[in-house]
């Protein structure tokens, strides 16, 4: 975490996508759209004590976070998936609180990255490269 937000390396995520800017934007925008739905689904599943839905939604979110290369929230999603599988819904509630904070910070970083991409004419540089600006 960095400054209370989950650190997300947009350049590294772009590298993982083979440098495809269009795919990068599509995936980030999809995650920005879907993540709040996943969190709402998890809250609803916990309120209804639906351990199977907790496990399924957490598994989906874990995969998306892992694909984006965001390890801390992916770890929380994995723990939440395990809690759902084991029926430990009391534990799942506290894990969800941490996961929500992580994802909220991540979403802020993603919004910022897209804004920077939209205002910049140069592509995201690979990790370790530095821009002159």
Protein backbone atom coordinates (compact mmCIF):
# COMPACT_ATOMS: atom_id res chain seq x y z
CA UNK A 1 0.00 0.00 0.00
CA UNK A 2 1.17 3.52 -0.73
CA UNK A 3 -0.31 6.63 0.91
CA UNK A 4 -3.30 4.60 2.10
CA UNK A 5 -3.92 3.25 -1.38
CA UNK A 6 -3.08 -0.01 -3.03
CA UNK A 7 -0.07 0.42 -5.26
CA UNK A 8 -0.74 -0.63 -8.82
CA UNK A 9 1.97 -0.56 -11.46
CA UNK A 10 0.10 0.38 -14.64
CA UNK A 11 3.26 0.05 -16.73
CA UNK A 12 3.80 -3.48 -15.51
CA UNK A 13 0.16 -4.36 -16.19
CA UNK A 14 0.59 -3.03 -19.73
CA UNK A 15 3.72 -5.14 -20.16
CA UNK A 16 1.76 -8.22 -19.07
CA UNK A 17 -0.66 -7.43 -21.91
CA UNK A 18 2.11 -7.30 -24.48
CA UNK A 19 2.04 -3.50 -24.64
CA UNK A 20 -1.45 -3.45 -26.18
CA UNK A 21 -2.84 -0.04 -25.10
CA UNK A 22 -6.36 -0.81 -26.34
CA UNK A 23 -6.53 -4.08 -24.43
CA UNK A 24 -5.09 -2.36 -21.36
CA UNK A 25 -7.79 0.34 -21.44
CA UNK A 26 -10.53 -2.23 -22.05
CA UNK A 27 -9.44 -4.42 -19.14
CA UNK A 28 -9.03 -1.51 -16.74
CA UNK A 29 -12.41 -0.06 -17.71
CA UNK A 30 -14.04 -3.47 -17.33
CA UNK A 31 -12.53 -3.89 -13.88
CA UNK A 32 -13.63 -0.36 -12.89
CA UNK A 33 -17.16 -1.32 -13.91
CA UNK A 34 -17.27 -4.85 -12.47
CA UNK A 35 -15.36 -4.55 -9.16
CA UNK A 36 -18.05 -2.48 -7.39
CA UNK A 37 -20.63 -5.08 -8.50
CA UNK A 38 -18.48 -7.88 -7.07
CA UNK A 39 -18.16 -6.05 -3.75
CA UNK A 40 -21.91 -5.41 -3.61
CA UNK A 41 -22.52 -9.08 -4.40
CA UNK A 42 -20.19 -10.12 -1.61
CA UNK A 43 -21.97 -7.83 0.87
CA UNK A 44 -25.33 -9.23 -0.20
CA UNK A 45 -24.10 -12.83 -0.02
CA UNK A 46 -22.77 -12.27 3.48
CA UNK A 47 -26.02 -10.60 4.58
CA UNK A 48 -27.91 -13.64 3.26
CA UNK A 49 -25.33 -16.02 4.76
CA UNK A 50 -24.80 -17.53 1.30
CA UNK A 51 -21.37 -19.11 1.66
CA UNK A 52 -21.41 -20.54 -1.88
CA UNK A 53 -21.91 -17.10 -3.42
CA UNK A 54 -19.19 -15.64 -1.18
CA UNK A 55 -16.78 -18.32 -2.40
CA UNK A 56 -17.76 -17.90 -6.08
CA UNK A 57 -17.66 -14.09 -6.19
CA UNK A 58 -14.42 -13.95 -4.20
CA UNK A 59 -12.88 -16.47 -6.59
CA UNK A 60 -13.85 -14.33 -9.58
CA UNK A 61 -12.48 -11.17 -7.97
CA UNK A 62 -9.27 -12.97 -6.99
CA UNK A 63 -8.72 -13.99 -10.60
CA UNK A 64 -9.29 -10.49 -11.91
CA UNK A 65 -6.95 -8.95 -9.33
CA UNK A 66 -4.27 -11.55 -10.02
CA UNK A 67 -4.56 -10.91 -13.75
CA UNK A 68 -4.02 -7.21 -13.12
CA UNK A 69 -0.97 -8.01 -10.98
CA UNK A 70 -2.32 -6.63 -7.71
CA UNK A 71 -1.18 -9.09 -5.08
CA UNK A 72 -2.41 -7.65 -1.75
CA UNK A 73 -6.10 -7.41 -2.72
CA UNK A 74 -5.85 -10.75 -4.55
CA UNK A 75 -4.58 -12.27 -1.29
CA UNK A 76 -7.58 -10.84 0.60
CA UNK A 77 -9.93 -12.18 -2.07
CA UNK A 78 -8.29 -15.60 -1.73
CA UNK A 79 -8.79 -15.53 2.05
CA UNK A 80 -12.40 -14.51 1.51
CA UNK A 81 -12.87 -17.36 -0.96
CA UNK A 82 -11.49 -19.79 1.65
CA UNK A 83 -13.78 -18.36 4.33
CA UNK A 84 -16.78 -18.90 2.04
CA UNK A 85 -15.66 -22.44 1.22
CA UNK A 86 -15.26 -23.20 4.93
CA UNK A 87 -18.51 -21.48 5.92
CA UNK A 88 -16.66 -19.05 8.22
CA UNK A 89 -18.85 -16.06 7.45
CA UNK A 90 -17.94 -14.11 10.58
CA UNK A 91 -14.31 -14.15 9.48
CA UNK A 92 -15.44 -13.33 5.93
CA UNK A 93 -16.99 -10.06 7.11
CA UNK A 94 -13.69 -8.76 8.49
CA UNK A 95 -11.81 -9.91 5.39
CA UNK A 96 -14.34 -8.13 3.18
CA UNK A 97 -13.73 -4.88 5.04
CA UNK A 98 -10.01 -5.11 4.22
CA UNK A 99 -10.73 -6.15 0.65
CA UNK A 100 -13.10 -3.22 0.12
CA UNK A 101 -10.46 -0.76 1.32
CA UNK A 102 -7.88 -2.33 -1.00
CA UNK A 103 -10.20 -2.30 -4.00
CA UNK A 104 -11.32 1.29 -3.36
CA UNK A 105 -7.67 2.41 -3.37
CA UNK A 106 -6.99 0.35 -6.46
CA UNK A 107 -9.96 1.85 -8.30
CA UNK A 108 -8.67 5.34 -7.51
CA UNK A 109 -5.25 4.42 -8.89
CA UNK A 110 -6.82 2.94 -12.01
CA UNK A 111 -8.94 6.03 -12.63
CA UNK A 112 -5.80 8.13 -12.25
CA UNK A 113 -3.87 5.88 -14.65
CA UNK A 114 -6.59 6.16 -17.29
CA UNK A 115 -6.72 9.94 -16.92
CA UNK A 116 -2.95 10.11 -17.29
CA UNK A 117 -3.13 7.84 -20.35
CA UNK A 118 -5.83 10.03 -21.90
CA UNK A 119 -3.85 13.23 -21.32
CA UNK A 120 -0.51 11.82 -22.44
CA UNK A 121 0.66 11.37 -25.99
CA UNK A 122 3.42 8.93 -25.11
CA UNK A 123 2.75 5.29 -24.24
CA UNK A 124 3.22 3.90 -20.76
CA UNK A 125 6.87 3.08 -20.44
CA UNK A 126 8.02 -0.34 -19.25
CA UNK A 127 9.00 -0.74 -15.59
CA UNK A 128 12.43 0.68 -14.96
CA UNK A 129 12.17 3.18 -17.82
CA UNK A 130 11.86 6.85 -17.01
CA UNK A 131 10.12 9.61 -18.92
CA UNK A 132 11.68 12.98 -19.45
CA UNK A 133 8.59 14.83 -18.38
